[in-house]
Amino acid sequence: MNKVILIGNLTRDPESGSTQSGVQFCRFSIAVNRRFSRENEATDYFNIVCWRALAENCSKLLAKGRKVCVCGSIQTRQYEQDGIKRTAFDIIADEVEFLSPAKGDDVAEQPAKKQEPVSNLTPVEDELPF
């Protein structure tokens, strides 16, 4: 099974384009903090690739610094740079959940909504799936 779930912040604005056959793609990278002791953590950087409708949404709504959750799979690719063979690891996104407001949204300007208390709720145990 090849499945990865990452939560991190975009390190740069997404880059989008399309293949010669017209399939849209979007690339961006995220920084993910990894704690290895109570006081110490490191940051790992991952290249993310999205395709088709997901690519369109990501290129429109994401920007540097935004927090996202990416679900997908790891894909390796080989390339040569300066005569040296190298391997790169990309995350091919199946899902991207936007965890912070989209670019252009200003949360500070939006008034906070007052939540009314919920009352008169009676649990129906027969409808629970467990």
C-alpha atoms as a PDB file:
ATOM      1  CA  MET A   1       0.000   0.000   0.000  1.00  0.00           C
ATOM      2  CA  ASN A   2       1.349   3.418  -0.980  1.00  0.00           C
ATOM      3  CA  LYS A   3      -0.549   6.062   1.011  1.00  0.00           C
ATOM      4  CA  VAL A   4       0.688   9.256   2.632  1.00  0.00           C
ATOM      5  CA  ILE A   5      -1.080  11.974   4.638  1.00  0.00           C
ATOM      6  CA  LEU A   6       0.760  15.238   5.311  1.00  0.00           C
ATOM      7  CA  ILE A   7      -0.212  18.506   6.972  1.00  0.00           C
ATOM      8  CA  GLY A   8       1.982  21.495   6.289  1.00  0.00           C
ATOM      9  CA  ASN A   9       2.319  25.013   4.922  1.00  0.00           C
ATOM     10  CA  LEU A  10       3.018  25.967   1.320  1.00  0.00           C
ATOM     11  CA  THR A  11       6.595  27.158   0.866  1.00  0.00           C
ATOM     12  CA  ARG A  12       5.800  29.042  -2.354  1.00  0.00           C
ATOM     13  CA  ASP A  13       2.856  29.902  -4.572  1.00  0.00           C
ATOM     14  CA  PRO A  14       1.587  27.002  -6.702  1.00  0.00           C
ATOM     15  CA  GLU A  15       2.800  26.655 -10.287  1.00  0.00           C
ATOM     16  CA  SER A  16       0.245  25.436 -12.797  1.00  0.00           C
ATOM     17  CA  GLY A  17       0.228  24.387 -16.412  1.00  0.00           C
ATOM     18  CA  SER A  18      -1.041  21.724 -18.743  1.00  0.00           C
ATOM     19  CA  THR A  19       0.453  18.801 -20.610  1.00  0.00           C
ATOM     20  CA  GLN A  20       0.632  18.691 -24.404  1.00  0.00           C
ATOM     21  CA  SER A  21      -2.606  16.696 -24.376  1.00  0.00           C
ATOM     22  CA  GLY A  22      -4.333  19.427 -22.325  1.00  0.00           C
ATOM     23  CA  VAL A  23      -4.388  17.809 -18.874  1.00  0.00           C
ATOM     24  CA  GLN A  24      -4.023  20.490 -16.201  1.00  0.00           C
ATOM     25  CA  PHE A  25      -1.479  20.083 -13.396  1.00  0.00           C
ATOM     26  CA  CYS A  26      -0.389  22.079 -10.370  1.00  0.00           C
ATOM     27  CA  ARG A  27       2.850  21.807  -8.393  1.00  0.00           C
ATOM     28  CA  PHE A  28       3.667  23.197  -4.970  1.00  0.00           C
ATOM     29  CA  SER A  29       5.758  22.265  -1.983  1.00  0.00           C
ATOM     30  CA  ILE A  30       4.888  22.098   1.688  1.00  0.00           C
ATOM     31  CA  ALA A  31       6.950  22.289   4.857  1.00  0.00           C
ATOM     32  CA  VAL A  32       6.004  19.719   7.501  1.00  0.00           C
ATOM     33  CA  ASN A  33       7.326  19.840  11.055  1.00  0.00           C
ATOM     34  CA  ARG A  34       8.591  16.559  12.477  1.00  0.00           C
ATOM     35  CA  ARG A  35       9.143  16.337  16.223  1.00  0.00           C
ATOM     36  CA  PHE A  36      11.875  13.912  17.240  1.00  0.00           C
ATOM     37  CA  SER A  37      11.984  14.738  20.941  1.00  0.00           C
ATOM     38  CA  ARG A  38      10.052  16.922  23.348  1.00  0.00           C
ATOM     39  CA  GLU A  39      12.283  19.935  22.711  1.00  0.00           C
ATOM     40  CA  ASN A  40      13.515  19.319  19.168  1.00  0.00           C
ATOM     41  CA  GLU A  41      11.845  19.273  15.800  1.00  0.00           C
ATOM     42  CA  ALA A  42      12.956  19.356  12.205  1.00  0.00           C
ATOM     43  CA  THR A  43      11.226  20.472   9.041  1.00  0.00           C
ATOM     44  CA  ASP A  44      10.792  18.215   6.019  1.00  0.00           C
ATOM     45  CA  TYR A  45       9.882  19.568   2.583  1.00  0.00           C
ATOM     46  CA  PHE A  46       7.675  17.678   0.126  1.00  0.00           C
ATOM     47  CA  ASN A  47       6.907  18.332  -3.537  1.00  0.00           C
ATOM     48  CA  ILE A  48       3.192  17.929  -4.291  1.00  0.00           C
ATOM     49  CA  VAL A  49       1.669  17.324  -7.734  1.00  0.00           C
ATOM     50  CA  CYS A  50      -2.075  17.632  -8.445  1.00  0.00           C
ATOM     51  CA  TRP A  51      -3.925  16.804 -11.652  1.00  0.00           C
ATOM     52  CA  ARG A  52      -7.116  17.865 -13.442  1.00  0.00           C
ATOM     53  CA  ALA A  53      -9.898  19.522 -11.375  1.00  0.00           C
ATOM     54  CA  LEU A  54      -7.888  19.271  -8.155  1.00  0.00           C
ATOM     55  CA  ALA A  55      -5.031  21.111  -9.878  1.00  0.00           C
ATOM     56  CA  GLU A  56      -7.393  23.856 -11.005  1.00  0.00           C
ATOM     57  CA  ASN A  57      -8.759  24.366  -7.474  1.00  0.00           C
ATOM     58  CA  CYS A  58      -5.310  24.367  -5.885  1.00  0.00           C
ATOM     59  CA  SER A  59      -3.876  26.863  -8.367  1.00  0.00           C
ATOM     60  CA  LYS A  60      -6.819  29.227  -7.800  1.00  0.00           C
ATOM     61  CA  LEU A  61      -7.167  28.976  -4.023  1.00  0.00           C
ATOM     62  CA  LEU A  62      -3.721  28.296  -2.561  1.00  0.00           C
ATOM     63  CA  ALA A  63      -0.842  30.662  -1.884  1.00  0.00           C
ATOM     64  CA  LYS A  64       2.457  30.664  -0.021  1.00  0.00           C
ATOM     65  CA  GLY A  65       1.981  30.154   3.721  1.00  0.00           C
ATOM     66  CA  ARG A  66      -1.436  28.483   3.540  1.00  0.00           C
ATOM     67  CA  LYS A  67      -1.916  25.312   5.578  1.00  0.00           C
ATOM     68  CA  VAL A  68      -3.123  22.187   3.770  1.00  0.00           C
ATOM     69  CA  CYS A  69      -3.680  18.501   4.374  1.00  0.00           C
ATOM     70  CA  VAL A  70      -2.541  16.382   1.427  1.00  0.00           C
ATOM     71  CA  CYS A  71      -3.563  12.742   0.939  1.00  0.00           C
ATOM     72  CA  GLY A  72      -1.936  10.826  -1.866  1.00  0.00           C
ATOM     73  CA  SER A  73       0.856   8.465  -2.825  1.00  0.00           C
ATOM     74  CA  ILE A  74       4.632   8.692  -3.147  1.00  0.00           C
ATOM     75  CA  GLN A  75       6.088   8.496  -6.635  1.00  0.00           C
ATOM     76  CA  THR A  76       9.786   8.340  -7.518  1.00  0.00           C
ATOM     77  CA  ARG A  77      11.363   9.699 -10.656  1.00  0.00           C
ATOM     78  CA  GLN A  78      14.884   9.527 -12.020  1.00  0.00           C
ATOM     79  CA  TYR A  79      16.714  12.405 -13.657  1.00  0.00           C
ATOM     80  CA  GLU A  80      20.253  13.440 -14.461  1.00  0.00           C
ATOM     81  CA  GLN A  81      21.814  16.711 -13.346  1.00  0.00           C
ATOM     82  CA  ASP A  82      25.418  17.662 -14.127  1.00  0.00           C
ATOM     83  CA  GLY A  83      26.120  14.074 -15.153  1.00  0.00           C
ATOM     84  CA  ILE A  84      24.886  12.679 -11.847  1.00  0.00           C
ATOM     85  CA  LYS A  85      21.858  10.383 -11.709  1.00  0.00           C
ATOM     86  CA  ARG A  86      19.412  11.531  -9.060  1.00  0.00           C
ATOM     87  CA  THR A  87      16.130  10.328  -7.609  1.00  0.00           C
ATOM     88  CA  ALA A  88      13.296  12.656  -6.635  1.00  0.00           C
ATOM     89  CA  PHE A  89      10.250  11.836  -4.552  1.00  0.00           C
ATOM     90  CA  ASP A  90       6.929  13.509  -5.317  1.00  0.00           C
ATOM     91  CA  ILE A  91       3.594  13.234  -3.567  1.00  0.00           C
ATOM     92  CA  ILE A  92       0.815  12.699  -6.119  1.00  0.00           C
ATOM     93  CA  ALA A  93      -2.211  14.229  -4.416  1.00  0.00           C
ATOM     94  CA  ASP A  94      -5.571  12.481  -4.479  1.00  0.00           C
ATOM     95  CA  GLU A  95      -7.088  14.987  -2.042  1.00  0.00           C
ATOM     96  CA  VAL A  96      -6.059  18.411  -0.763  1.00  0.00           C
ATOM     97  CA  GLU A  97      -7.961  19.920   2.124  1.00  0.00           C
ATOM     98  CA  PHE A  98      -7.524  23.651   2.643  1.00  0.00           C
ATOM     99  CA  LEU A  99      -6.937  24.261   6.350  1.00  0.00           C
ATOM    100  CA  SER A 100      -6.543  28.042   6.229  1.00  0.00           C
ATOM    101  CA  PRO A 101      -8.544  30.682   4.330  1.00  0.00           C
ATOM    102  CA  ALA A 102      -8.126  30.904   0.559  1.00  0.00           C
ATOM    103  CA  LYS A 103      -5.988  33.672  -0.889  1.00  0.00           C
ATOM    104  CA  GLY A 104      -7.922  36.915  -0.953  1.00  0.00           C
ATOM    105  CA  ASP A 105     -10.064  35.979   2.056  1.00  0.00           C
ATOM    106  CA  ASP A 106      -9.499  38.159   5.079  1.00  0.00           C
ATOM    107  CA  VAL A 107     -10.722  36.463   8.210  1.00  0.00           C
ATOM    108  CA  ALA A 108     -10.114  39.573  10.317  1.00  0.00           C
ATOM    109  CA  GLU A 109     -12.674  41.543   8.308  1.00  0.00           C
ATOM    110  CA  GLN A 110     -15.405  38.937   8.668  1.00  0.00           C
ATOM    111  CA  PRO A 111     -17.588  39.406  11.748  1.00  0.00           C
ATOM    112  CA  ALA A 112     -17.654  36.511  14.153  1.00  0.00           C
ATOM    113  CA  LYS A 113     -20.900  34.585  14.032  1.00  0.00           C
ATOM    114  CA  LYS A 114     -22.647  34.139  17.330  1.00  0.00           C
ATOM    115  CA  GLN A 115     -23.553  30.528  17.915  1.00  0.00           C
ATOM    116  CA  GLU A 116     -26.864  29.824  19.543  1.00  0.00           C
ATOM    117  CA  PRO A 117     -26.885  27.093  22.180  1.00  0.00           C
ATOM    118  CA  VAL A 118     -28.298  23.808  21.001  1.00  0.00           C
ATOM    119  CA  SER A 119     -31.157  22.550  23.111  1.00  0.00           C
ATOM    120  CA  ASN A 120     -33.874  19.938  23.031  1.00  0.00           C
ATOM    121  CA  LEU A 121     -31.585  17.294  21.582  1.00  0.00           C
ATOM    122  CA  THR A 122     -32.392  13.746  22.471  1.00  0.00           C
ATOM    123  CA  PRO A 123     -29.966  11.095  21.263  1.00  0.00           C
ATOM    124  CA  VAL A 124     -31.462   8.312  19.224  1.00  0.00           C
ATOM    125  CA  GLU A 125     -29.320   5.308  20.080  1.00  0.00           C
ATOM    126  CA  ASP A 126     -31.045   3.052  17.567  1.00  0.00           C
ATOM    127  CA  GLU A 127     -29.594   5.110  14.703  1.00  0.00           C
ATOM    128  CA  LEU A 128     -25.954   4.933  15.845  1.00  0.00           C
ATOM    129  CA  PRO A 129     -23.750   2.781  13.580  1.00  0.00           C
ATOM    130  CA  PHE A 130     -21.914   1.174  16.496  1.00  0.00           C
END
